[in-house]
All heavy atoms as atom14 arrays in JSON, in Angstrom:
{
  "sequence": "GTKVEVSGTWARFPAPEGPGAWPRNPAWAGTLEAREVAVHSPPRM",
  "atom14_mask": [
    [1, 1, 1, 1, 0, 0, 0, 0, 0, 0, 0, 0, 0, 0],
    [1, 1, 1, 1, 1, 1, 1, 0, 0, 0, 0, 0, 0, 0],
    [1, 1, 1, 1, 1, 1, 1, 1, 1, 0, 0, 0, 0, 0],
    [1, 1, 1, 1, 1, 1, 1, 0, 0, 0, 0, 0, 0, 0],
    [1, 1, 1, 1, 1, 1, 1, 1, 1, 0, 0, 0, 0, 0],
    [1, 1, 1, 1, 1, 1, 1, 0, 0, 0, 0, 0, 0, 0],
    [1, 1, 1, 1, 1, 1, 0, 0, 0, 0, 0, 0, 0, 0],
    [1, 1, 1, 1, 0, 0, 0, 0, 0, 0, 0, 0, 0, 0],
    [1, 1, 1, 1, 1, 1, 1, 0, 0, 0, 0, 0, 0, 0],
    [1, 1, 1, 1, 1, 1, 1, 1, 1, 1, 1, 1, 1, 1],
    [1, 1, 1, 1, 1, 0, 0, 0, 0, 0, 0, 0, 0, 0],
    [1, 1, 1, 1, 1, 1, 1, 1, 1, 1, 1, 0, 0, 0],
    [1, 1, 1, 1, 1, 1, 1, 1, 1, 1, 1, 0, 0, 0],
    [1, 1, 1, 1, 1, 1, 1, 0, 0, 0, 0, 0, 0, 0],
    [1, 1, 1, 1, 1, 0, 0, 0, 0, 0, 0, 0, 0, 0],
    [1, 1, 1, 1, 1, 1, 1, 0, 0, 0, 0, 0, 0, 0],
    [1, 1, 1, 1, 1, 1, 1, 1, 1, 0, 0, 0, 0, 0],
    [1, 1, 1, 1, 0, 0, 0, 0, 0, 0, 0, 0, 0, 0],
    [1, 1, 1, 1, 1, 1, 1, 0, 0, 0, 0, 0, 0, 0],
    [1, 1, 1, 1, 0, 0, 0, 0, 0, 0, 0, 0, 0, 0],
    [1, 1, 1, 1, 1, 0, 0, 0, 0, 0, 0, 0, 0, 0],
    [1, 1, 1, 1, 1, 1, 1, 1, 1, 1, 1, 1, 1, 1],
    [1, 1, 1, 1, 1, 1, 1, 0, 0, 0, 0, 0, 0, 0],
    [1, 1, 1, 1, 1, 1, 1, 1, 1, 1, 1, 0, 0, 0],
    [1, 1, 1, 1, 1, 1, 1, 1, 0, 0, 0, 0, 0, 0],
    [1, 1, 1, 1, 1, 1, 1, 0, 0, 0, 0, 0, 0, 0],
    [1, 1, 1, 1, 1, 0, 0, 0, 0, 0, 0, 0, 0, 0],
    [1, 1, 1, 1, 1, 1, 1, 1, 1, 1, 1, 1, 1, 1],
    [1, 1, 1, 1, 1, 0, 0, 0, 0, 0, 0, 0, 0, 0],
    [1, 1, 1, 1, 0, 0, 0, 0, 0, 0, 0, 0, 0, 0],
    [1, 1, 1, 1, 1, 1, 1, 0, 0, 0, 0, 0, 0, 0],
    [1, 1, 1, 1, 1, 1, 1, 1, 0, 0, 0, 0, 0, 0],
    [1, 1, 1, 1, 1, 1, 1, 1, 1, 0, 0, 0, 0, 0],
    [1, 1, 1, 1, 1, 0, 0, 0, 0, 0, 0, 0, 0, 0],
    [1, 1, 1, 1, 1, 1, 1, 1, 1, 1, 1, 0, 0, 0],
    [1, 1, 1, 1, 1, 1, 1, 1, 1, 0, 0, 0, 0, 0],
    [1, 1, 1, 1, 1, 1, 1, 0, 0, 0, 0, 0, 0, 0],
    [1, 1, 1, 1, 1, 0, 0, 0, 0, 0, 0, 0, 0, 0],
    [1, 1, 1, 1, 1, 1, 1, 0, 0, 0, 0, 0, 0, 0],
    [1, 1, 1, 1, 1, 1, 1, 1, 1, 1, 0, 0, 0, 0],
    [1, 1, 1, 1, 1, 1, 0, 0, 0, 0, 0, 0, 0, 0],
    [1, 1, 1, 1, 1, 1, 1, 0, 0, 0, 0, 0, 0, 0],
    [1, 1, 1, 1, 1, 1, 1, 0, 0, 0, 0, 0, 0, 0],
    [1, 1, 1, 1, 1, 1, 1, 1, 1, 1, 1, 0, 0, 0],
    [1, 1, 1, 1, 1, 1, 1, 1, 0, 0, 0, 0, 0, 0]
  ],
  "atom14_positions": [
    [[121.04, 101.22, 87.86], [121.72, 99.93, 87.99], [121.7, 99.39, 89.4], [122.09, 98.24, 89.62], [0.0, 0.0, 0.0], [0.0, 0.0, 0.0], [0.0, 0.0, 0.0], [0.0, 0.0, 0.0], [0.0, 0.0, 0.0], [0.0, 0.0, 0.0], [0.0, 0.0, 0.0], [0.0, 0.0, 0.0], [0.0, 0.0, 0.0], [0.0, 0.0, 0.0]],
    [[121.24, 100.21, 90.37], [121.15, 99.75, 91.76], [119.98, 98.77, 91.9], [118.86, 99.05, 91.46], [120.94, 100.93, 92.72], [122.0, 101.88, 92.54], [120.92, 100.47, 94.16], [0.0, 0.0, 0.0], [0.0, 0.0, 0.0], [0.0, 0.0, 0.0], [0.0, 0.0, 0.0], [0.0, 0.0, 0.0], [0.0, 0.0, 0.0], [0.0, 0.0, 0.0]],
    [[120.24, 97.63, 92.52], [119.18, 96.65, 92.77], [118.53, 96.96, 94.1], [119.21, 97.04, 95.13], [119.74, 95.23, 92.76], [118.67, 94.15, 92.72], [119.27, 92.79, 92.44], [118.18, 91.74, 92.28], [118.74, 90.42, 91.94], [0.0, 0.0, 0.0], [0.0, 0.0, 0.0], [0.0, 0.0, 0.0], [0.0, 0.0, 0.0], [0.0, 0.0, 0.0]],
    [[117.22, 97.19, 94.08], [116.51, 97.62, 95.29], [115.26, 96.78, 95.49], [114.79, 96.08, 94.58], [116.1, 99.12, 95.18], [117.32, 100.01, 95.06], [115.16, 99.34, 94.01], [0.0, 0.0, 0.0], [0.0, 0.0, 0.0], [0.0, 0.0, 0.0], [0.0, 0.0, 0.0], [0.0, 0.0, 0.0], [0.0, 0.0, 0.0], [0.0, 0.0, 0.0]],
    [[114.74, 96.89, 96.71], [113.42, 96.34, 97.04], [112.6, 97.46, 97.63], [113.02, 98.09, 98.61], [113.53, 95.18, 98.02], [112.17, 94.54, 98.33], [112.3, 93.28, 99.17], [112.71, 92.24, 98.61], [112.01, 93.35, 100.38], [0.0, 0.0, 0.0], [0.0, 0.0, 0.0], [0.0, 0.0, 0.0], [0.0, 0.0, 0.0], [0.0, 0.0, 0.0]],
    [[111.46, 97.76, 97.03], [110.61, 98.86, 97.48], [109.24, 98.31, 97.84], [108.74, 97.38, 97.2], [110.47, 99.95, 96.39], [111.8, 100.64, 96.16], [109.95, 99.37, 95.09], [0.0, 0.0, 0.0], [0.0, 0.0, 0.0], [0.0, 0.0, 0.0], [0.0, 0.0, 0.0], [0.0, 0.0, 0.0], [0.0, 0.0, 0.0], [0.0, 0.0, 0.0]],
    [[108.67, 98.87, 98.89], [107.32, 98.48, 99.29], [106.48, 99.73, 99.42], [106.96, 100.79, 99.85], [107.35, 97.74, 100.63], [107.91, 98.56, 101.64], [0.0, 0.0, 0.0], [0.0, 0.0, 0.0], [0.0, 0.0, 0.0], [0.0, 0.0, 0.0], [0.0, 0.0, 0.0], [0.0, 0.0, 0.0], [0.0, 0.0, 0.0], [0.0, 0.0, 0.0]],
    [[105.21, 99.64, 99.0], [104.35, 100.8, 99.06], [102.96, 100.49, 98.54], [102.55, 99.32, 98.45], [0.0, 0.0, 0.0], [0.0, 0.0, 0.0], [0.0, 0.0, 0.0], [0.0, 0.0, 0.0], [0.0, 0.0, 0.0], [0.0, 0.0, 0.0], [0.0, 0.0, 0.0], [0.0, 0.0, 0.0], [0.0, 0.0, 0.0], [0.0, 0.0, 0.0]],
    [[102.25, 101.54, 98.15], [100.86, 101.45, 97.71], [100.76, 101.78, 96.23], [101.39, 102.74, 95.75], [99.97, 102.42, 98.51], [100.14, 102.15, 99.91], [98.51, 102.26, 98.14], [0.0, 0.0, 0.0], [0.0, 0.0, 0.0], [0.0, 0.0, 0.0], [0.0, 0.0, 0.0], [0.0, 0.0, 0.0], [0.0, 0.0, 0.0], [0.0, 0.0, 0.0]],
    [[99.95, 101.01, 95.51], [99.81, 101.18, 94.07], [98.74, 102.23, 93.76], [97.62, 102.16, 94.26], [99.43, 99.86, 93.42], [99.33, 99.87, 91.93], [98.2, 99.79, 91.19], [100.42, 99.95, 91.0], [98.49, 99.8, 89.85], [99.86, 99.9, 89.72], [101.8, 100.04, 91.14], [100.63, 99.96, 88.56], [102.58, 100.11, 89.99], [102.0, 100.06, 88.73]],
    [[99.1, 103.22, 92.94], [98.15, 104.24, 92.48], [97.97, 104.07, 90.98], [98.89, 104.32, 90.2], [98.68, 105.64, 92.81], [0.0, 0.0, 0.0], [0.0, 0.0, 0.0], [0.0, 0.0, 0.0], [0.0, 0.0, 0.0], [0.0, 0.0, 0.0], [0.0, 0.0, 0.0], [0.0, 0.0, 0.0], [0.0, 0.0, 0.0], [0.0, 0.0, 0.0]],
    [[96.79, 103.62, 90.57], [96.53, 103.36, 89.15], [96.3, 104.65, 88.39], [95.71, 105.6, 88.9], [95.29, 102.47, 88.99], [95.51, 101.03, 89.34], [94.2, 100.25, 89.23], [93.65, 100.28, 87.89], [93.92, 99.37, 86.95], [94.73, 98.35, 87.23], [93.39, 99.45, 85.76], [0.0, 0.0, 0.0], [0.0, 0.0, 0.0], [0.0, 0.0, 0.0]],
    [[96.74, 104.66, 87.13], [96.38, 105.74, 86.23], [95.0, 105.42, 85.64], [94.65, 104.25, 85.48], [97.4, 105.88, 85.11], [98.75, 106.35, 85.58], [99.89, 106.09, 84.84], [98.88, 107.06, 86.76], [101.13, 106.53, 85.26], [100.12, 107.49, 87.2], [101.25, 107.23, 86.45], [0.0, 0.0, 0.0], [0.0, 0.0, 0.0], [0.0, 0.0, 0.0]],
    [[94.22, 106.44, 85.3], [92.88, 106.18, 84.73], [92.97, 105.33, 83.47], [93.82, 105.54, 82.61], [92.35, 107.58, 84.41], [93.12, 108.49, 85.31], [94.47, 107.88, 85.46], [0.0, 0.0, 0.0], [0.0, 0.0, 0.0], [0.0, 0.0, 0.0], [0.0, 0.0, 0.0], [0.0, 0.0, 0.0], [0.0, 0.0, 0.0], [0.0, 0.0, 0.0]],
    [[92.06, 104.35, 83.37], [92.05, 103.44, 82.22], [91.11, 103.98, 81.15], [90.13, 104.67, 81.45], [91.59, 102.05, 82.66], [0.0, 0.0, 0.0], [0.0, 0.0, 0.0], [0.0, 0.0, 0.0], [0.0, 0.0, 0.0], [0.0, 0.0, 0.0], [0.0, 0.0, 0.0], [0.0, 0.0, 0.0], [0.0, 0.0, 0.0], [0.0, 0.0, 0.0]],
    [[91.38, 103.7, 79.86], [90.44, 104.09, 78.81], [89.12, 103.37, 78.97], [89.06, 102.25, 79.49], [91.16, 103.66, 77.52], [92.13, 102.62, 77.94], [92.54, 102.97, 79.34], [0.0, 0.0, 0.0], [0.0, 0.0, 0.0], [0.0, 0.0, 0.0], [0.0, 0.0, 0.0], [0.0, 0.0, 0.0], [0.0, 0.0, 0.0], [0.0, 0.0, 0.0]],
    [[88.05, 104.02, 78.54], [86.71, 103.46, 78.72], [86.19, 102.89, 77.4], [86.58, 103.32, 76.33], [85.76, 104.55, 79.23], [86.16, 105.11, 80.58], [85.2, 106.19, 81.05], [84.26, 106.49, 80.29], [85.4, 106.72, 82.15], [0.0, 0.0, 0.0], [0.0, 0.0, 0.0], [0.0, 0.0, 0.0], [0.0, 0.0, 0.0], [0.0, 0.0, 0.0]],
    [[85.26, 101.96, 77.53], [84.59, 101.43, 76.36], [85.25, 100.18, 75.82], [86.46, 100.05, 75.86], [0.0, 0.0, 0.0], [0.0, 0.0, 0.0], [0.0, 0.0, 0.0], [0.0, 0.0, 0.0], [0.0, 0.0, 0.0], [0.0, 0.0, 0.0], [0.0, 0.0, 0.0], [0.0, 0.0, 0.0], [0.0, 0.0, 0.0], [0.0, 0.0, 0.0]],
    [[84.43, 99.24, 75.28], [85.01, 98.03, 74.7], [85.79, 98.36, 73.43], [85.46, 99.27, 72.68], [83.77, 97.17, 74.4], [82.66, 98.17, 74.25], [82.97, 99.29, 75.19], [0.0, 0.0, 0.0], [0.0, 0.0, 0.0], [0.0, 0.0, 0.0], [0.0, 0.0, 0.0], [0.0, 0.0, 0.0], [0.0, 0.0, 0.0], [0.0, 0.0, 0.0]],
    [[86.83, 97.59, 73.18], [87.62, 97.8, 71.98], [88.55, 98.97, 72.06], [89.09, 99.4, 71.05], [0.0, 0.0, 0.0], [0.0, 0.0, 0.0], [0.0, 0.0, 0.0], [0.0, 0.0, 0.0], [0.0, 0.0, 0.0], [0.0, 0.0, 0.0], [0.0, 0.0, 0.0], [0.0, 0.0, 0.0], [0.0, 0.0, 0.0], [0.0, 0.0, 0.0]],
    [[88.73, 99.56, 73.26], [89.65, 100.69, 73.38], [91.06, 100.23, 73.06], [91.41, 99.06, 73.21], [89.57, 101.27, 74.79], [0.0, 0.0, 0.0], [0.0, 0.0, 0.0], [0.0, 0.0, 0.0], [0.0, 0.0, 0.0], [0.0, 0.0, 0.0], [0.0, 0.0, 0.0], [0.0, 0.0, 0.0], [0.0, 0.0, 0.0], [0.0, 0.0, 0.0]],
    [[91.88, 101.17, 72.63], [93.26, 100.82, 72.3], [93.97, 100.33, 73.54], [93.76, 100.84, 74.63], [93.98, 102.04, 71.75], [93.44, 102.53, 70.45], [92.65, 103.63, 70.26], [93.62, 101.95, 69.16], [92.35, 103.78, 68.94], [92.93, 102.75, 68.23], [94.3, 100.83, 68.7], [92.9, 102.47, 66.87], [94.28, 100.55, 67.35], [93.59, 101.36, 66.44]],
    [[94.85, 99.34, 73.41], [95.56, 98.83, 74.59], [96.51, 99.87, 75.16], [97.09, 100.67, 74.43], [96.32, 97.61, 74.04], [96.42, 97.84, 72.57], [95.19, 98.6, 72.18], [0.0, 0.0, 0.0], [0.0, 0.0, 0.0], [0.0, 0.0, 0.0], [0.0, 0.0, 0.0], [0.0, 0.0, 0.0], [0.0, 0.0, 0.0], [0.0, 0.0, 0.0]],
    [[96.66, 99.85, 76.47], [97.53, 100.8, 77.15], [98.95, 100.27, 77.22], [99.19, 99.07, 77.12], [97.03, 101.04, 78.59], [95.6, 101.5, 78.7], [95.13, 101.42, 80.13], [95.88, 102.31, 81.01], [95.83, 102.27, 82.33], [95.07, 101.37, 82.92], [96.51, 103.13, 83.06], [0.0, 0.0, 0.0], [0.0, 0.0, 0.0], [0.0, 0.0, 0.0]],
    [[99.87, 101.18, 77.42], [101.26, 100.79, 77.68], [101.36, 100.37, 79.14], [101.16, 101.19, 80.04], [102.19, 101.97, 77.4], [103.66, 101.59, 77.57], [103.99, 100.52, 78.06], [104.54, 102.48, 77.17], [0.0, 0.0, 0.0], [0.0, 0.0, 0.0], [0.0, 0.0, 0.0], [0.0, 0.0, 0.0], [0.0, 0.0, 0.0], [0.0, 0.0, 0.0]],
    [[101.65, 99.1, 79.44], [101.69, 98.67, 80.84], [102.71, 99.41, 81.68], [102.57, 99.47, 82.91], [102.05, 97.17, 80.73], [101.64, 96.78, 79.35], [101.88, 97.98, 78.51], [0.0, 0.0, 0.0], [0.0, 0.0, 0.0], [0.0, 0.0, 0.0], [0.0, 0.0, 0.0], [0.0, 0.0, 0.0], [0.0, 0.0, 0.0], [0.0, 0.0, 0.0]],
    [[103.74, 100.0, 81.05], [104.72, 100.75, 81.82], [104.12, 101.98, 82.47], [104.67, 102.52, 83.44], [105.89, 101.17, 80.91], [0.0, 0.0, 0.0], [0.0, 0.0, 0.0], [0.0, 0.0, 0.0], [0.0, 0.0, 0.0], [0.0, 0.0, 0.0], [0.0, 0.0, 0.0], [0.0, 0.0, 0.0], [0.0, 0.0, 0.0], [0.0, 0.0, 0.0]],
    [[102.97, 102.44, 81.95], [102.29, 103.6, 82.51], [100.96, 103.2, 83.14], [100.0, 103.97, 83.14], [102.07, 104.66, 81.43], [103.35, 105.21, 80.89], [104.03, 104.8, 79.79], [104.13, 106.26, 81.47], [105.18, 105.52, 79.64], [105.27, 106.43, 80.66], [103.99, 107.06, 82.61], [106.25, 107.37, 80.92], [104.96, 108.0, 82.87], [106.07, 108.15, 82.04]],
    [[100.9, 101.98, 83.67], [99.66, 101.52, 84.32], [99.41, 102.26, 85.63], [98.27, 102.43, 86.05], [99.74, 100.02, 84.58], [0.0, 0.0, 0.0], [0.0, 0.0, 0.0], [0.0, 0.0, 0.0], [0.0, 0.0, 0.0], [0.0, 0.0, 0.0], [0.0, 0.0, 0.0], [0.0, 0.0, 0.0], [0.0, 0.0, 0.0], [0.0, 0.0, 0.0]],
    [[100.47, 102.68, 86.29], [100.32, 103.35, 87.58], [101.66, 103.66, 88.18], [102.71, 103.51, 87.53], [0.0, 0.0, 0.0], [0.0, 0.0, 0.0], [0.0, 0.0, 0.0], [0.0, 0.0, 0.0], [0.0, 0.0, 0.0], [0.0, 0.0, 0.0], [0.0, 0.0, 0.0], [0.0, 0.0, 0.0], [0.0, 0.0, 0.0], [0.0, 0.0, 0.0]],
    [[101.63, 104.11, 89.43], [102.85, 104.46, 90.15], [102.82, 103.78, 91.52], [101.78, 103.75, 92.18], [102.95, 105.99, 90.35], [103.0, 106.61, 89.07], [104.19, 106.36, 91.14], [0.0, 0.0, 0.0], [0.0, 0.0, 0.0], [0.0, 0.0, 0.0], [0.0, 0.0, 0.0], [0.0, 0.0, 0.0], [0.0, 0.0, 0.0], [0.0, 0.0, 0.0]],
    [[103.97, 103.25, 91.91], [104.09, 102.71, 93.26], [104.56, 103.82, 94.19], [105.68, 104.33, 94.04], [105.08, 101.55, 93.29], [105.24, 100.87, 94.66], [103.97, 100.1, 95.02], [106.44, 99.95, 94.68], [0.0, 0.0, 0.0], [0.0, 0.0, 0.0], [0.0, 0.0, 0.0], [0.0, 0.0, 0.0], [0.0, 0.0, 0.0], [0.0, 0.0, 0.0]],
    [[103.69, 104.23, 95.12], [104.07, 105.25, 96.1], [104.81, 104.52, 97.23], [104.2, 103.93, 98.13], [102.82, 105.96, 96.63], [102.02, 106.69, 95.56], [102.74, 107.91, 95.02], [103.69, 108.37, 95.68], [102.35, 108.41, 93.95], [0.0, 0.0, 0.0], [0.0, 0.0, 0.0], [0.0, 0.0, 0.0], [0.0, 0.0, 0.0], [0.0, 0.0, 0.0]],
    [[106.13, 104.55, 97.16], [106.95, 103.74, 98.06], [107.03, 104.35, 99.46], [107.13, 105.57, 99.61], [108.34, 103.56, 97.47], [0.0, 0.0, 0.0], [0.0, 0.0, 0.0], [0.0, 0.0, 0.0], [0.0, 0.0, 0.0], [0.0, 0.0, 0.0], [0.0, 0.0, 0.0], [0.0, 0.0, 0.0], [0.0, 0.0, 0.0], [0.0, 0.0, 0.0]],
    [[107.0, 103.49, 100.45], [107.2, 103.9, 101.84], [108.58, 103.5, 102.34], [109.17, 104.19, 103.16], [106.13, 103.26, 102.75], [104.71, 103.66, 102.43], [103.76, 103.14, 103.51], [103.97, 101.7, 103.76], [103.37, 100.73, 103.07], [102.53, 101.05, 102.09], [103.59, 99.47, 103.35], [0.0, 0.0, 0.0], [0.0, 0.0, 0.0], [0.0, 0.0, 0.0]],
    [[109.08, 102.38, 101.86], [110.38, 101.88, 102.3], [111.21, 101.44, 101.09], [110.66, 100.92, 100.12], [110.21, 100.69, 103.26], [109.48, 101.05, 104.55], [109.3, 99.84, 105.45], [109.76, 98.74, 105.03], [108.73, 99.98, 106.53], [0.0, 0.0, 0.0], [0.0, 0.0, 0.0], [0.0, 0.0, 0.0], [0.0, 0.0, 0.0], [0.0, 0.0, 0.0]],
    [[112.51, 101.66, 101.2], [113.44, 101.27, 100.14], [114.63, 100.58, 100.78], [115.21, 101.1, 101.74], [113.93, 102.49, 99.32], [114.86, 102.03, 98.21], [112.76, 103.27, 98.76], [0.0, 0.0, 0.0], [0.0, 0.0, 0.0], [0.0, 0.0, 0.0], [0.0, 0.0, 0.0], [0.0, 0.0, 0.0], [0.0, 0.0, 0.0], [0.0, 0.0, 0.0]],
    [[114.98, 99.42, 100.26], [116.16, 98.68, 100.74], [117.06, 98.39, 99.56], [116.61, 97.85, 98.54], [115.74, 97.38, 101.42], [0.0, 0.0, 0.0], [0.0, 0.0, 0.0], [0.0, 0.0, 0.0], [0.0, 0.0, 0.0], [0.0, 0.0, 0.0], [0.0, 0.0, 0.0], [0.0, 0.0, 0.0], [0.0, 0.0, 0.0], [0.0, 0.0, 0.0]],
    [[118.32, 98.74, 99.69], [119.3, 98.5, 98.63], [119.85, 97.09, 98.78], [120.38, 96.73, 99.84], [120.43, 99.54, 98.68], [121.5, 99.2, 97.64], [119.88, 100.94, 98.46], [0.0, 0.0, 0.0], [0.0, 0.0, 0.0], [0.0, 0.0, 0.0], [0.0, 0.0, 0.0], [0.0, 0.0, 0.0], [0.0, 0.0, 0.0], [0.0, 0.0, 0.0]],
    [[119.75, 96.28, 97.72], [120.25, 94.91, 97.76], [121.69, 94.82, 97.25], [122.48, 94.05, 97.77], [119.34, 93.99, 96.94], [118.16, 93.52, 97.71], [117.92, 92.2, 97.99], [117.14, 94.2, 98.3], [116.8, 92.08, 98.69], [116.3, 93.29, 98.89], [0.0, 0.0, 0.0], [0.0, 0.0, 0.0], [0.0, 0.0, 0.0], [0.0, 0.0, 0.0]],
    [[121.98, 95.59, 96.2], [123.35, 95.57, 95.67], [123.58, 96.84, 94.86], [122.66, 97.34, 94.21], [123.59, 94.33, 94.8], [122.74, 94.33, 93.68], [0.0, 0.0, 0.0], [0.0, 0.0, 0.0], [0.0, 0.0, 0.0], [0.0, 0.0, 0.0], [0.0, 0.0, 0.0], [0.0, 0.0, 0.0], [0.0, 0.0, 0.0], [0.0, 0.0, 0.0]],
    [[124.79, 97.38, 94.89], [125.11, 98.58, 94.1], [125.22, 98.22, 92.62], [125.21, 97.05, 92.25], [126.46, 99.02, 94.68], [127.08, 97.75, 95.18], [125.94, 96.9, 95.66], [0.0, 0.0, 0.0], [0.0, 0.0, 0.0], [0.0, 0.0, 0.0], [0.0, 0.0, 0.0], [0.0, 0.0, 0.0], [0.0, 0.0, 0.0], [0.0, 0.0, 0.0]],
    [[125.31, 99.23, 91.76], [125.44, 98.95, 90.33], [126.7, 98.13, 90.02], [127.76, 98.38, 90.6], [125.53, 100.35, 89.69], [124.95, 101.27, 90.71], [125.25, 100.67, 92.04], [0.0, 0.0, 0.0], [0.0, 0.0, 0.0], [0.0, 0.0, 0.0], [0.0, 0.0, 0.0], [0.0, 0.0, 0.0], [0.0, 0.0, 0.0], [0.0, 0.0, 0.0]],
    [[126.57, 97.18, 89.11], [127.72, 96.36, 88.7], [127.69, 96.21, 87.19], [126.66, 95.85, 86.61], [127.67, 94.97, 89.35], [127.78, 94.99, 90.87], [128.17, 93.6, 91.39], [127.31, 92.56, 90.88], [126.2, 92.14, 91.47], [125.82, 92.7, 92.61], [125.47, 91.17, 90.95], [0.0, 0.0, 0.0], [0.0, 0.0, 0.0], [0.0, 0.0, 0.0]],
    [[128.82, 96.48, 86.56], [128.89, 96.38, 85.1], [128.61, 94.96, 84.64], [128.05, 94.74, 83.57], [130.27, 96.83, 84.62], [130.52, 98.32, 84.75], [129.41, 99.33, 83.73], [129.94, 98.86, 82.09], [0.0, 0.0, 0.0], [0.0, 0.0, 0.0], [0.0, 0.0, 0.0], [0.0, 0.0, 0.0], [0.0, 0.0, 0.0], [0.0, 0.0, 0.0]]
  ]
}
């Protein structure tokens, strides 16, 4: 619930090969390797 701003480098996960491949889940497209984190606001109900 913490609102943050993160900056870093994007590391892609390997993509399926070939035309007509099943679509990927975008949530697992890759990982952001963060270098800096700034908290904007704490969790609020």
